[in-house]
Amino acid sequence: MTAKQIDVTCPCCSTRLTVDVLTGQILRRSQPAEAETEGGTAAKDRWVSAQERVRDRTKTGEDKLESALEQERTKAKKFDDLFQKAREKHTRKDSQDSEG
């Protein structure tokens, strides 16, 4: 929408009109969906879809948290394994140095 256009909503039928200010001509007309005018079911559908998005977002958040916790649980074992390998390597190196 530019400064030469205005949007107007009809109070009776909720039709949205875009009007050219200079000429007074209607440039665009968009009627509301029938579901919106009959009992507000579209608003209810939007509410339900918003709830589903929040529920999905919460579920993915829980999945990410569980994944991170699992990584933390296994991190100590990985470090222990690396430390054990380094210790064995060091022990082998010391035993080779004392023999040689």
N, C-alpha and C. Protein backbone atom coordinates (compact mmCIF):
# COMPACT_ATOMS: atom_id res chain seq x y z
N MET A 1 0.85 -1.18 0.00
CA MET A 1 0.00 0.00 0.00
C MET A 1 0.89 1.23 0.00
N THR A 2 0.57 2.18 -0.86
CA THR A 2 1.33 3.43 -0.93
C THR A 2 0.50 4.54 -0.30
N ALA A 3 1.04 5.75 -0.26
CA ALA A 3 0.33 6.89 0.29
C ALA A 3 -0.85 7.29 -0.60
N LYS A 4 -0.85 6.80 -1.84
CA LYS A 4 -1.93 7.12 -2.76
C LYS A 4 -3.08 6.13 -2.66
N GLN A 5 -2.95 5.15 -1.77
CA GLN A 5 -3.97 4.13 -1.61
C GLN A 5 -4.36 4.04 -0.14
N ILE A 6 -5.61 3.69 0.11
CA ILE A 6 -6.03 3.43 1.48
C ILE A 6 -6.79 2.10 1.50
N ASP A 7 -6.72 1.42 2.62
CA ASP A 7 -7.47 0.18 2.81
C ASP A 7 -8.68 0.49 3.68
N VAL A 8 -9.84 0.01 3.24
CA VAL A 8 -11.08 0.24 3.96
C VAL A 8 -11.76 -1.10 4.16
N THR A 9 -12.31 -1.31 5.36
CA THR A 9 -13.05 -2.53 5.64
C THR A 9 -14.51 -2.17 5.82
N CYS A 10 -15.38 -2.85 5.10
CA CYS A 10 -16.82 -2.61 5.18
C CYS A 10 -17.34 -3.12 6.53
N PRO A 11 -18.05 -2.31 7.28
CA PRO A 11 -18.55 -2.75 8.58
C PRO A 11 -19.67 -3.78 8.48
N CYS A 12 -20.33 -3.86 7.34
CA CYS A 12 -21.44 -4.81 7.19
C CYS A 12 -20.98 -6.20 6.78
N CYS A 13 -20.15 -6.26 5.74
CA CYS A 13 -19.78 -7.57 5.19
C CYS A 13 -18.32 -7.92 5.40
N SER A 14 -17.54 -7.03 6.00
CA SER A 14 -16.11 -7.24 6.28
C SER A 14 -15.26 -7.39 5.03
N THR A 15 -15.78 -6.91 3.89
CA THR A 15 -14.98 -6.91 2.67
C THR A 15 -13.91 -5.84 2.79
N ARG A 16 -12.70 -6.19 2.38
CA ARG A 16 -11.58 -5.25 2.46
C ARG A 16 -11.35 -4.65 1.07
N LEU A 17 -11.37 -3.31 1.01
CA LEU A 17 -11.21 -2.60 -0.25
C LEU A 17 -9.93 -1.77 -0.21
N THR A 18 -9.19 -1.77 -1.31
CA THR A 18 -8.04 -0.88 -1.48
C THR A 18 -8.48 0.18 -2.50
N VAL A 19 -8.47 1.43 -2.06
CA VAL A 19 -9.01 2.52 -2.88
C VAL A 19 -7.89 3.48 -3.26
N ASP A 20 -7.88 3.89 -4.54
CA ASP A 20 -6.94 4.91 -5.01
C ASP A 20 -7.48 6.26 -4.55
N VAL A 21 -6.69 6.99 -3.78
CA VAL A 21 -7.14 8.26 -3.21
C VAL A 21 -7.38 9.31 -4.29
N LEU A 22 -6.55 9.35 -5.29
CA LEU A 22 -6.67 10.38 -6.33
C LEU A 22 -7.90 10.20 -7.21
N THR A 23 -8.17 8.96 -7.62
CA THR A 23 -9.28 8.72 -8.55
C THR A 23 -10.54 8.23 -7.85
N GLY A 24 -10.40 7.68 -6.65
CA GLY A 24 -11.55 7.13 -5.95
C GLY A 24 -11.94 5.75 -6.43
N GLN A 25 -11.13 5.16 -7.30
CA GLN A 25 -11.44 3.84 -7.84
C GLN A 25 -10.98 2.75 -6.86
N ILE A 26 -11.73 1.67 -6.89
CA ILE A 26 -11.37 0.50 -6.08
C ILE A 26 -10.33 -0.29 -6.86
N LEU A 27 -9.16 -0.47 -6.26
CA LEU A 27 -8.08 -1.19 -6.92
C LEU A 27 -8.12 -2.69 -6.62
N ARG A 28 -8.47 -3.01 -5.40
CA ARG A 28 -8.51 -4.41 -4.97
C ARG A 28 -9.70 -4.62 -4.05
N ARG A 29 -10.25 -5.81 -4.11
CA ARG A 29 -11.35 -6.17 -3.23
C ARG A 29 -11.12 -7.60 -2.76
N SER A 30 -11.09 -7.80 -1.46
CA SER A 30 -10.94 -9.16 -0.95
C SER A 30 -12.02 -9.42 0.08
N GLN A 31 -12.79 -10.45 -0.21
CA GLN A 31 -13.87 -10.82 0.69
C GLN A 31 -13.33 -11.76 1.75
N PRO A 32 -13.88 -11.67 2.94
CA PRO A 32 -13.43 -12.59 3.99
C PRO A 32 -13.90 -14.00 3.67
N ALA A 33 -13.19 -14.99 4.18
CA ALA A 33 -13.60 -16.37 3.96
C ALA A 33 -14.96 -16.61 4.61
N GLU A 34 -15.75 -17.49 4.04
CA GLU A 34 -17.08 -17.76 4.57
C GLU A 34 -17.02 -18.28 5.99
N ALA A 35 -15.99 -19.03 6.30
CA ALA A 35 -15.86 -19.59 7.64
C ALA A 35 -15.69 -18.49 8.68
N GLU A 36 -15.05 -17.39 8.31
CA GLU A 36 -14.83 -16.31 9.25
C GLU A 36 -16.14 -15.59 9.57
N THR A 37 -17.03 -15.51 8.59
CA THR A 37 -18.27 -14.79 8.80
C THR A 37 -19.32 -15.65 9.48
N GLU A 38 -19.17 -16.96 9.45
CA GLU A 38 -20.16 -17.85 10.03
C GLU A 38 -19.67 -18.44 11.34
N GLY A 39 -19.85 -17.69 12.42
CA GLY A 39 -19.56 -18.23 13.74
C GLY A 39 -18.10 -18.18 14.15
N GLY A 40 -17.23 -17.60 13.38
CA GLY A 40 -15.83 -17.47 13.76
C GLY A 40 -15.07 -18.77 13.80
N THR A 41 -15.42 -19.73 12.95
CA THR A 41 -14.71 -21.01 12.95
C THR A 41 -13.28 -20.86 12.48
N ALA A 42 -13.01 -19.88 11.62
CA ALA A 42 -11.63 -19.68 11.16
C ALA A 42 -10.76 -19.23 12.32
N ALA A 43 -11.31 -18.38 13.18
CA ALA A 43 -10.54 -17.95 14.36
C ALA A 43 -10.25 -19.14 15.25
N LYS A 44 -11.21 -20.04 15.39
CA LYS A 44 -10.99 -21.25 16.20
C LYS A 44 -9.93 -22.13 15.56
N ASP A 45 -9.96 -22.26 14.22
CA ASP A 45 -8.97 -23.05 13.52
C ASP A 45 -7.58 -22.45 13.70
N ARG A 46 -7.49 -21.13 13.64
CA ARG A 46 -6.19 -20.48 13.87
C ARG A 46 -5.70 -20.75 15.28
N TRP A 47 -6.62 -20.71 16.25
CA TRP A 47 -6.25 -20.96 17.64
C TRP A 47 -5.73 -22.40 17.78
N VAL A 48 -6.43 -23.35 17.19
CA VAL A 48 -6.02 -24.76 17.28
C VAL A 48 -4.67 -24.96 16.62
N SER A 49 -4.47 -24.36 15.45
CA SER A 49 -3.18 -24.52 14.77
C SER A 49 -2.06 -23.86 15.57
N ALA A 50 -2.35 -22.74 16.21
CA ALA A 50 -1.33 -22.09 17.06
C ALA A 50 -0.99 -22.98 18.24
N GLN A 51 -2.00 -23.60 18.84
CA GLN A 51 -1.75 -24.51 19.96
C GLN A 51 -0.89 -25.69 19.50
N GLU A 52 -1.17 -26.22 18.32
CA GLU A 52 -0.39 -27.34 17.80
C GLU A 52 1.06 -26.93 17.55
N ARG A 53 1.28 -25.73 17.03
CA ARG A 53 2.65 -25.25 16.81
C ARG A 53 3.40 -25.13 18.12
N VAL A 54 2.74 -24.60 19.13
CA VAL A 54 3.39 -24.48 20.44
C VAL A 54 3.69 -25.85 21.02
N ARG A 55 2.75 -26.77 20.88
CA ARG A 55 2.94 -28.14 21.37
C ARG A 55 4.12 -28.80 20.65
N ASP A 56 4.20 -28.63 19.34
CA ASP A 56 5.30 -29.21 18.56
C ASP A 56 6.63 -28.58 18.97
N ARG A 57 6.62 -27.26 19.18
CA ARG A 57 7.83 -26.57 19.57
C ARG A 57 8.31 -27.07 20.94
N THR A 58 7.36 -27.28 21.85
CA THR A 58 7.71 -27.80 23.17
C THR A 58 8.28 -29.21 23.05
N LYS A 59 7.68 -30.03 22.19
CA LYS A 59 8.15 -31.40 22.01
C LYS A 59 9.57 -31.41 21.45
N THR A 60 9.83 -30.58 20.44
CA THR A 60 11.19 -30.54 19.89
C THR A 60 12.17 -30.00 20.91
N GLY A 61 11.72 -29.08 21.74
CA GLY A 61 12.58 -28.58 22.81
C GLY A 61 12.93 -29.68 23.80
N GLU A 62 11.94 -30.50 24.14
CA GLU A 62 12.18 -31.62 25.04
C GLU A 62 13.13 -32.63 24.41
N ASP A 63 12.96 -32.87 23.11
CA ASP A 63 13.85 -33.80 22.40
C ASP A 63 15.29 -33.28 22.40
N LYS A 64 15.46 -31.99 22.15
CA LYS A 64 16.80 -31.41 22.16
C LYS A 64 17.42 -31.50 23.54
N LEU A 65 16.63 -31.26 24.58
CA LEU A 65 17.14 -31.35 25.94
C LEU A 65 17.56 -32.77 26.25
N GLU A 66 16.75 -33.73 25.88
CA GLU A 66 17.07 -35.14 26.15
C GLU A 66 18.34 -35.54 25.40
N SER A 67 18.49 -35.07 24.16
CA SER A 67 19.70 -35.37 23.39
C SER A 67 20.93 -34.77 24.06
N ALA A 68 20.82 -33.54 24.52
CA ALA A 68 21.95 -32.89 25.19
C ALA A 68 22.29 -33.60 26.49
N LEU A 69 21.28 -34.03 27.23
CA LEU A 69 21.53 -34.76 28.48
C LEU A 69 22.22 -36.09 28.21
N GLU A 70 21.81 -36.76 27.15
CA GLU A 70 22.44 -38.03 26.79
C GLU A 70 23.91 -37.82 26.41
N GLN A 71 24.19 -36.75 25.69
CA GLN A 71 25.58 -36.43 25.35
C GLN A 71 26.40 -36.17 26.61
N GLU A 72 25.81 -35.47 27.57
CA GLU A 72 26.52 -35.19 28.82
C GLU A 72 26.76 -36.48 29.60
N ARG A 73 25.78 -37.38 29.58
CA ARG A 73 25.94 -38.65 30.29
C ARG A 73 27.08 -39.48 29.70
N THR A 74 27.22 -39.47 28.38
CA THR A 74 28.25 -40.29 27.73
C THR A 74 29.59 -39.57 27.66
N LYS A 75 29.58 -38.27 27.90
CA LYS A 75 30.82 -37.50 27.80
C LYS A 75 31.86 -38.00 28.81
N ALA A 76 31.45 -38.27 30.03
CA ALA A 76 32.39 -38.73 31.06
C ALA A 76 33.03 -40.06 30.65
N LYS A 77 32.24 -40.97 30.09
CA LYS A 77 32.78 -42.26 29.65
C LYS A 77 33.77 -42.06 28.52
N LYS A 78 33.47 -41.17 27.59
CA LYS A 78 34.40 -40.91 26.48
C LYS A 78 35.72 -40.36 27.00
N PHE A 79 35.64 -39.42 27.95
CA PHE A 79 36.87 -38.86 28.52
C PHE A 79 37.65 -39.91 29.29
N ASP A 80 36.95 -40.78 30.01
CA ASP A 80 37.62 -41.86 30.74
C ASP A 80 38.35 -42.79 29.78
N ASP A 81 37.69 -43.11 28.66
CA ASP A 81 38.32 -43.98 27.66
C ASP A 81 39.57 -43.32 27.07
N LEU A 82 39.47 -42.04 26.74
CA LEU A 82 40.63 -41.33 26.20
C LEU A 82 41.77 -41.27 27.22
N PHE A 83 41.41 -41.02 28.47
CA PHE A 83 42.43 -40.96 29.51
C PHE A 83 43.11 -42.33 29.68
N GLN A 84 42.32 -43.40 29.63
CA GLN A 84 42.86 -44.76 29.76
C GLN A 84 43.81 -45.07 28.61
N LYS A 85 43.45 -44.69 27.39
CA LYS A 85 44.31 -44.92 26.23
C LYS A 85 45.62 -44.14 26.37
N ALA A 86 45.51 -42.88 26.81
CA ALA A 86 46.72 -42.06 26.99
C ALA A 86 47.62 -42.67 28.07
N ARG A 87 47.03 -43.18 29.15
CA ARG A 87 47.79 -43.79 30.22
C ARG A 87 48.51 -45.05 29.71
N GLU A 88 47.79 -45.87 28.92
CA GLU A 88 48.41 -47.08 28.38
C GLU A 88 49.56 -46.72 27.43
N LYS A 89 49.34 -45.71 26.61
CA LYS A 89 50.39 -45.27 25.68
C LYS A 89 51.60 -44.77 26.47
N HIS A 90 51.37 -44.02 27.51
CA HIS A 90 52.46 -43.51 28.34
C HIS A 90 53.19 -44.65 29.04
N THR A 91 52.44 -45.62 29.52
CA THR A 91 53.05 -46.77 30.20
C THR A 91 53.91 -47.56 29.22
N ARG A 92 53.41 -47.78 28.01
CA ARG A 92 54.20 -48.49 27.00
C ARG A 92 55.46 -47.73 26.64
N LYS A 93 55.36 -46.42 26.52
CA LYS A 93 56.51 -45.59 26.17
C LYS A 93 57.56 -45.65 27.28
N ASP A 94 57.12 -45.61 28.56
CA ASP A 94 58.05 -45.70 29.69
C ASP A 94 58.73 -47.05 29.72
N SER A 95 57.98 -48.12 29.43
CA SER A 95 58.58 -49.45 29.50
C SER A 95 59.59 -49.65 28.36
N GLN A 96 59.32 -49.03 27.19
CA GLN A 96 60.26 -49.13 26.08
C GLN A 96 61.52 -48.33 26.37
N ASP A 97 61.40 -47.19 27.02
CA ASP A 97 62.54 -46.35 27.37
C ASP A 97 63.42 -47.04 28.40
N SER A 98 62.83 -47.73 29.36
CA SER A 98 63.63 -48.38 30.40
C SER A 98 64.33 -49.63 29.86
N GLU A 99 63.79 -50.28 28.83
CA GLU A 99 64.42 -51.46 28.23
C GLU A 99 65.56 -51.04 27.31
N GLY A 100 65.43 -49.94 26.70
CA GLY A 100 66.36 -49.54 25.66
C GLY A 100 67.52 -48.79 26.14
